[in-house]
Structures are given as structure tokens and as C-alpha cells.
Amino acid sequence: MASWQEFENGAPELARTARRLMDAYKHKVLATLRKDGSPRVSGVETTFRDGELWTGSMAHAVKAADLRRDPRMAIHVTSRDPQGEDPSSWEGDLKLAGRAVEITDPELLASFGQPGSDSYLFRLEVTEVAWTRVEGDDLVIDSWHEERGTREFRRK
């Protein structure tokens, strides 16, 4: 698993776009796995700090229980519809997958303003990132995977 900084180092152009989209949209969709293995989607907010991607959860939230039991997760950042009739004006969607590492260190929790709280803090490690958009008549997907690096796919 890679830290956000490691992803940035390995795929700087894609990381800039990913960061721009993540910063532009406060609310994202988090996918986790329920106890029975079925998927669950929840709203989530993220933040960047010290070269890492972070998210939190309120006490007793089912998404936190999911992540504590099985740290695999995915995040989807949606964007506004294209302006006018040109599909190329769509800024695209961003997806990332990896795992959430629960943080229990009291000093680190305090630095996030969570000392002694029942809230949860997770550092998100990434294994893959994909940005999907339209260019002309092509659907374009720029992707990064920790094992194979970056690739671009085009579909008519």
C-alpha cells in the first residue's frame, strides 16, 4: 500500500488532478464491506495532511465498524455535469481504492482535534487511482496501480 505522498511521487500528473478533484468536492462516496461481505456505500469527507490522505467517522458509525473489521475500501469523487452540449467539458470522475488504517495514537488524535473522543480517524493508503473523462469522442481513463504504475486507456 502506498501513502498519498508515494502516489504523488510515482504519478505526479495524475496525483495533481486527483488532488484538485478531491479538494473541489467536499463530499465523496466511500465503499466498504459489511460483515457478510456485501458492499456498503456511505458519505465521507477527506483531508490531506503531512503527505497522507485522512478520513474520520463519528462514534458508532457503521462505516467505521466496516473499516475496523475489513480495511479494504474505495472512494468515488463525482463531479458536475458537463457544461452545455460538449461532453469534453466534463471534468471527470475520480476513483481510488486501498485500505484504511485506524489511528489510535493519542497524540495524533489530539493533533486532529479528537482527544478522548469516541470518533475514529483513518489514514487511507492507496493501491489504485483512476480518473475517467471525455476528450472529443474518446472516453479516457488515466490510471495508476502500485504494482504497474500509470497507464492511459482510450475508448471510442
C-alpha atoms as a PDB file:
ATOM      1  CA  MET A   1       0.000   0.000   0.000  1.00  0.00           C
ATOM      2  CA  ALA A   2       1.192   3.493  -0.794  1.00  0.00           C
ATOM      3  CA  SER A   3       0.832   6.702   1.131  1.00  0.00           C
ATOM      4  CA  TRP A   4      -0.626   9.619  -0.766  1.00  0.00           C
ATOM      5  CA  GLN A   5       2.886  11.091  -0.992  1.00  0.00           C
ATOM      6  CA  GLU A   6       4.198   7.870  -2.555  1.00  0.00           C
ATOM      7  CA  PHE A   7       1.380   8.017  -5.111  1.00  0.00           C
ATOM      8  CA  GLU A   8       2.267  11.659  -5.841  1.00  0.00           C
ATOM      9  CA  ASN A   9       5.911  10.710  -6.347  1.00  0.00           C
ATOM     10  CA  GLY A  10       5.001   7.839  -8.670  1.00  0.00           C
ATOM     11  CA  ALA A  11       2.353   9.607 -10.750  1.00  0.00           C
ATOM     12  CA  PRO A  12       2.697  13.377 -10.275  1.00  0.00           C
ATOM     13  CA  GLU A  13       0.378  14.499 -13.091  1.00  0.00           C
ATOM     14  CA  LEU A  14      -2.439  12.148 -12.150  1.00  0.00           C
ATOM     15  CA  ALA A  15      -1.916  12.988  -8.471  1.00  0.00           C
ATOM     16  CA  ARG A  16      -2.319  16.721  -9.193  1.00  0.00           C
ATOM     17  CA  THR A  17      -5.614  16.073 -10.954  1.00  0.00           C
ATOM     18  CA  ALA A  18      -6.768  13.691  -8.225  1.00  0.00           C
ATOM     19  CA  ARG A  19      -5.928  16.209  -5.528  1.00  0.00           C
ATOM     20  CA  ARG A  20      -7.710  19.005  -7.420  1.00  0.00           C
ATOM     21  CA  LEU A  21     -10.888  16.924  -7.734  1.00  0.00           C
ATOM     22  CA  MET A  22     -10.749  15.737  -4.134  1.00  0.00           C
ATOM     23  CA  ASP A  23     -10.270  19.288  -2.883  1.00  0.00           C
ATOM     24  CA  ALA A  24     -13.055  20.623  -5.147  1.00  0.00           C
ATOM     25  CA  TYR A  25     -15.724  18.291  -3.756  1.00  0.00           C
ATOM     26  CA  LYS A  26     -16.163  18.110  -0.011  1.00  0.00           C
ATOM     27  CA  HIS A  27     -18.487  15.100  -0.087  1.00  0.00           C
ATOM     28  CA  LYS A  28     -17.344  11.781  -1.520  1.00  0.00           C
ATOM     29  CA  VAL A  29     -18.731   8.246  -1.593  1.00  0.00           C
ATOM     30  CA  LEU A  30     -16.931   5.594   0.457  1.00  0.00           C
ATOM     31  CA  ALA A  31     -17.435   1.917  -0.304  1.00  0.00           C
ATOM     32  CA  THR A  32     -16.777  -0.583   2.484  1.00  0.00           C
ATOM     33  CA  LEU A  33     -17.565  -4.236   3.083  1.00  0.00           C
ATOM     34  CA  ARG A  34     -20.253  -5.344   5.505  1.00  0.00           C
ATOM     35  CA  LYS A  35     -19.745  -8.271   7.856  1.00  0.00           C
ATOM     36  CA  ASP A  36     -21.389 -10.615   5.323  1.00  0.00           C
ATOM     37  CA  GLY A  37     -19.109  -9.320   2.520  1.00  0.00           C
ATOM     38  CA  SER A  38     -21.762  -7.301   0.721  1.00  0.00           C
ATOM     39  CA  PRO A  39     -20.946  -3.700  -0.219  1.00  0.00           C
ATOM     40  CA  ARG A  40     -21.997  -0.601   1.680  1.00  0.00           C
ATOM     41  CA  VAL A  41     -21.686   2.991   0.465  1.00  0.00           C
ATOM     42  CA  SER A  42     -21.531   5.963   2.802  1.00  0.00           C
ATOM     43  CA  GLY A  43     -20.868   9.653   2.547  1.00  0.00           C
ATOM     44  CA  VAL A  44     -17.420  10.720   3.678  1.00  0.00           C
ATOM     45  CA  GLU A  45     -15.139  13.733   3.801  1.00  0.00           C
ATOM     46  CA  THR A  46     -11.361  13.554   3.419  1.00  0.00           C
ATOM     47  CA  THR A  47      -8.402  15.773   4.158  1.00  0.00           C
ATOM     48  CA  PHE A  48      -4.746  15.881   3.165  1.00  0.00           C
ATOM     49  CA  ARG A  49      -2.073  16.365   5.797  1.00  0.00           C
ATOM     50  CA  ASP A  50       1.624  15.537   6.023  1.00  0.00           C
ATOM     51  CA  GLY A  51       1.650  13.667   2.701  1.00  0.00           C
ATOM     52  CA  GLU A  52      -1.237  11.438   3.764  1.00  0.00           C
ATOM     53  CA  LEU A  53      -4.931  11.169   2.965  1.00  0.00           C
ATOM     54  CA  TRP A  54      -7.212  11.014   6.012  1.00  0.00           C
ATOM     55  CA  THR A  55     -10.850  10.440   6.844  1.00  0.00           C
ATOM     56  CA  GLY A  56     -12.779  10.201  10.051  1.00  0.00           C
ATOM     57  CA  SER A  57     -16.039   8.855  11.331  1.00  0.00           C
ATOM     58  CA  MET A  58     -18.407   9.612  14.153  1.00  0.00           C
ATOM     59  CA  ALA A  59     -18.783   7.199  17.018  1.00  0.00           C
ATOM     60  CA  HIS A  60     -20.933   4.138  16.312  1.00  0.00           C
ATOM     61  CA  ALA A  61     -20.936   4.719  12.538  1.00  0.00           C
ATOM     62  CA  VAL A  62     -21.352   1.513  10.549  1.00  0.00           C
ATOM     63  CA  LYS A  63     -18.681   2.593   8.032  1.00  0.00           C
ATOM     64  CA  ALA A  64     -16.145   2.737  10.880  1.00  0.00           C
ATOM     65  CA  ALA A  65     -17.196  -0.729  12.060  1.00  0.00           C
ATOM     66  CA  ASP A  66     -16.783  -1.981   8.491  1.00  0.00           C
ATOM     67  CA  LEU A  67     -13.286  -0.483   8.167  1.00  0.00           C
ATOM     68  CA  ARG A  68     -12.171  -1.745  11.573  1.00  0.00           C
ATOM     69  CA  ARG A  69     -13.234  -5.269  10.613  1.00  0.00           C
ATOM     70  CA  ASP A  70     -12.010  -5.184   6.994  1.00  0.00           C
ATOM     71  CA  PRO A  71      -9.890  -2.178   5.990  1.00  0.00           C
ATOM     72  CA  ARG A  72     -10.465  -2.526   2.224  1.00  0.00           C
ATOM     73  CA  MET A  73     -12.235   0.494   0.800  1.00  0.00           C
ATOM     74  CA  ALA A  74     -12.835   2.571  -2.301  1.00  0.00           C
ATOM     75  CA  ILE A  75     -13.691   6.236  -2.716  1.00  0.00           C
ATOM     76  CA  HIS A  76     -15.588   7.796  -5.609  1.00  0.00           C
ATOM     77  CA  VAL A  77     -15.430  11.536  -6.253  1.00  0.00           C
ATOM     78  CA  THR A  78     -18.203  12.617  -8.580  1.00  0.00           C
ATOM     79  CA  SER A  79     -18.201  15.918 -10.432  1.00  0.00           C
ATOM     80  CA  ARG A  80     -20.600  18.355 -12.032  1.00  0.00           C
ATOM     81  CA  ASP A  81     -22.269  17.545 -15.328  1.00  0.00           C
ATOM     82  CA  PRO A  82     -20.627  18.889 -18.486  1.00  0.00           C
ATOM     83  CA  GLN A  83     -21.420  22.471 -19.406  1.00  0.00           C
ATOM     84  CA  GLY A  84     -23.648  22.674 -22.491  1.00  0.00           C
ATOM     85  CA  GLU A  85     -23.581  20.014 -25.165  1.00  0.00           C
ATOM     86  CA  ASP A  86     -19.821  19.311 -25.159  1.00  0.00           C
ATOM     87  CA  PRO A  87     -19.084  16.140 -23.145  1.00  0.00           C
ATOM     88  CA  SER A  88     -15.402  17.141 -23.139  1.00  0.00           C
ATOM     89  CA  SER A  89     -16.253  19.935 -20.700  1.00  0.00           C
ATOM     90  CA  TRP A  90     -16.901  17.296 -18.027  1.00  0.00           C
ATOM     91  CA  GLU A  91     -14.017  17.294 -15.552  1.00  0.00           C
ATOM     92  CA  GLY A  92     -14.499  13.599 -14.928  1.00  0.00           C
ATOM     93  CA  ASP A  93     -14.815  11.236 -12.000  1.00  0.00           C
ATOM     94  CA  LEU A  94     -12.069  10.053  -9.703  1.00  0.00           C
ATOM     95  CA  LYS A  95     -11.919   6.643  -8.063  1.00  0.00           C
ATOM     96  CA  LEU A  96      -9.352   5.296  -5.662  1.00  0.00           C
ATOM     97  CA  ALA A  97      -9.019   2.066  -3.752  1.00  0.00           C
ATOM     98  CA  GLY A  98      -6.835   0.813  -0.964  1.00  0.00           C
ATOM     99  CA  ARG A  99      -7.199   0.328   2.732  1.00  0.00           C
ATOM    100  CA  ALA A 100      -7.963   2.386   5.802  1.00  0.00           C
ATOM    101  CA  VAL A 101      -5.574   2.207   8.750  1.00  0.00           C
ATOM    102  CA  GLU A 102      -7.188   3.087  12.052  1.00  0.00           C
ATOM    103  CA  ILE A 103      -5.214   5.596  14.102  1.00  0.00           C
ATOM    104  CA  THR A 104      -5.298   5.136  17.865  1.00  0.00           C
ATOM    105  CA  ASP A 105      -2.229   7.169  18.887  1.00  0.00           C
ATOM    106  CA  PRO A 106      -3.488   9.749  21.425  1.00  0.00           C
ATOM    107  CA  GLU A 107      -1.050  12.451  20.284  1.00  0.00           C
ATOM    108  CA  LEU A 108      -2.015  12.083  16.646  1.00  0.00           C
ATOM    109  CA  LEU A 109      -5.716  12.026  17.528  1.00  0.00           C
ATOM    110  CA  ALA A 110      -5.223  15.196  19.584  1.00  0.00           C
ATOM    111  CA  SER A 111      -3.489  16.881  16.647  1.00  0.00           C
ATOM    112  CA  PHE A 112      -6.678  16.265  14.647  1.00  0.00           C
ATOM    113  CA  GLY A 113      -8.796  17.675  17.483  1.00  0.00           C
ATOM    114  CA  GLN A 114     -10.064  14.284  18.642  1.00  0.00           C
ATOM    115  CA  PRO A 115      -8.506  13.756  22.085  1.00  0.00           C
ATOM    116  CA  GLY A 116     -10.569  11.405  24.219  1.00  0.00           C
ATOM    117  CA  SER A 117     -13.398  11.304  21.696  1.00  0.00           C
ATOM    118  CA  ASP A 118     -15.346   8.296  20.508  1.00  0.00           C
ATOM    119  CA  SER A 119     -14.727   9.340  16.902  1.00  0.00           C
ATOM    120  CA  TYR A 120     -12.484   7.386  14.571  1.00  0.00           C
ATOM    121  CA  LEU A 121      -9.554   8.531  12.471  1.00  0.00           C
ATOM    122  CA  PHE A 122      -8.230   6.569   9.487  1.00  0.00           C
ATOM    123  CA  ARG A 123      -5.181   7.092   7.294  1.00  0.00           C
ATOM    124  CA  LEU A 124      -6.011   5.987   3.753  1.00  0.00           C
ATOM    125  CA  GLU A 125      -3.379   4.030   1.850  1.00  0.00           C
ATOM    126  CA  VAL A 126      -3.894   3.695  -1.893  1.00  0.00           C
ATOM    127  CA  THR A 127      -3.336   0.797  -4.259  1.00  0.00           C
ATOM    128  CA  GLU A 128      -5.003   2.290  -7.322  1.00  0.00           C
ATOM    129  CA  VAL A 129      -6.357   5.579  -8.643  1.00  0.00           C
ATOM    130  CA  ALA A 130      -8.345   6.211 -11.837  1.00  0.00           C
ATOM    131  CA  TRP A 131      -9.531   9.430 -13.462  1.00  0.00           C
ATOM    132  CA  THR A 132     -12.230   8.984 -16.115  1.00  0.00           C
ATOM    133  CA  ARG A 133     -13.183  11.775 -18.508  1.00  0.00           C
ATOM    134  CA  VAL A 134     -14.176  12.534 -22.111  1.00  0.00           C
ATOM    135  CA  GLU A 135     -11.851  14.025 -24.725  1.00  0.00           C
ATOM    136  CA  GLY A 136     -13.518  14.607 -28.086  1.00  0.00           C
ATOM    137  CA  ASP A 137     -15.163  11.292 -28.988  1.00  0.00           C
ATOM    138  CA  ASP A 138     -12.985   9.263 -26.619  1.00  0.00           C
ATOM    139  CA  LEU A 139     -13.588   8.066 -23.094  1.00  0.00           C
ATOM    140  CA  VAL A 140     -10.181   8.459 -21.436  1.00  0.00           C
ATOM    141  CA  ILE A 141      -9.076   6.710 -18.262  1.00  0.00           C
ATOM    142  CA  ASP A 142      -5.754   7.618 -16.653  1.00  0.00           C
ATOM    143  CA  SER A 143      -4.906   5.083 -14.004  1.00  0.00           C
ATOM    144  CA  TRP A 144      -2.184   4.311 -11.516  1.00  0.00           C
ATOM    145  CA  HIS A 145      -1.664   0.993  -9.760  1.00  0.00           C
ATOM    146  CA  GLU A 146       1.013   0.499  -7.153  1.00  0.00           C
ATOM    147  CA  GLU A 147       2.387  -2.573  -8.943  1.00  0.00           C
ATOM    148  CA  ARG A 148       2.273  -1.439 -12.578  1.00  0.00           C
ATOM    149  CA  GLY A 149       2.474   2.358 -12.454  1.00  0.00           C
ATOM    150  CA  THR A 150       0.499   4.640 -14.763  1.00  0.00           C
ATOM    151  CA  ARG A 151      -1.456   3.826 -17.896  1.00  0.00           C
ATOM    152  CA  GLU A 152      -3.877   5.579 -20.195  1.00  0.00           C
ATOM    153  CA  PHE A 153      -6.837   3.821 -21.809  1.00  0.00           C
ATOM    154  CA  ARG A 154      -8.915   5.301 -24.631  1.00  0.00           C
ATOM    155  CA  ARG A 155     -12.256   4.018 -25.849  1.00  0.00           C
ATOM    156  CA  LYS A 156     -14.338   5.323 -28.764  1.00  0.00           C
END
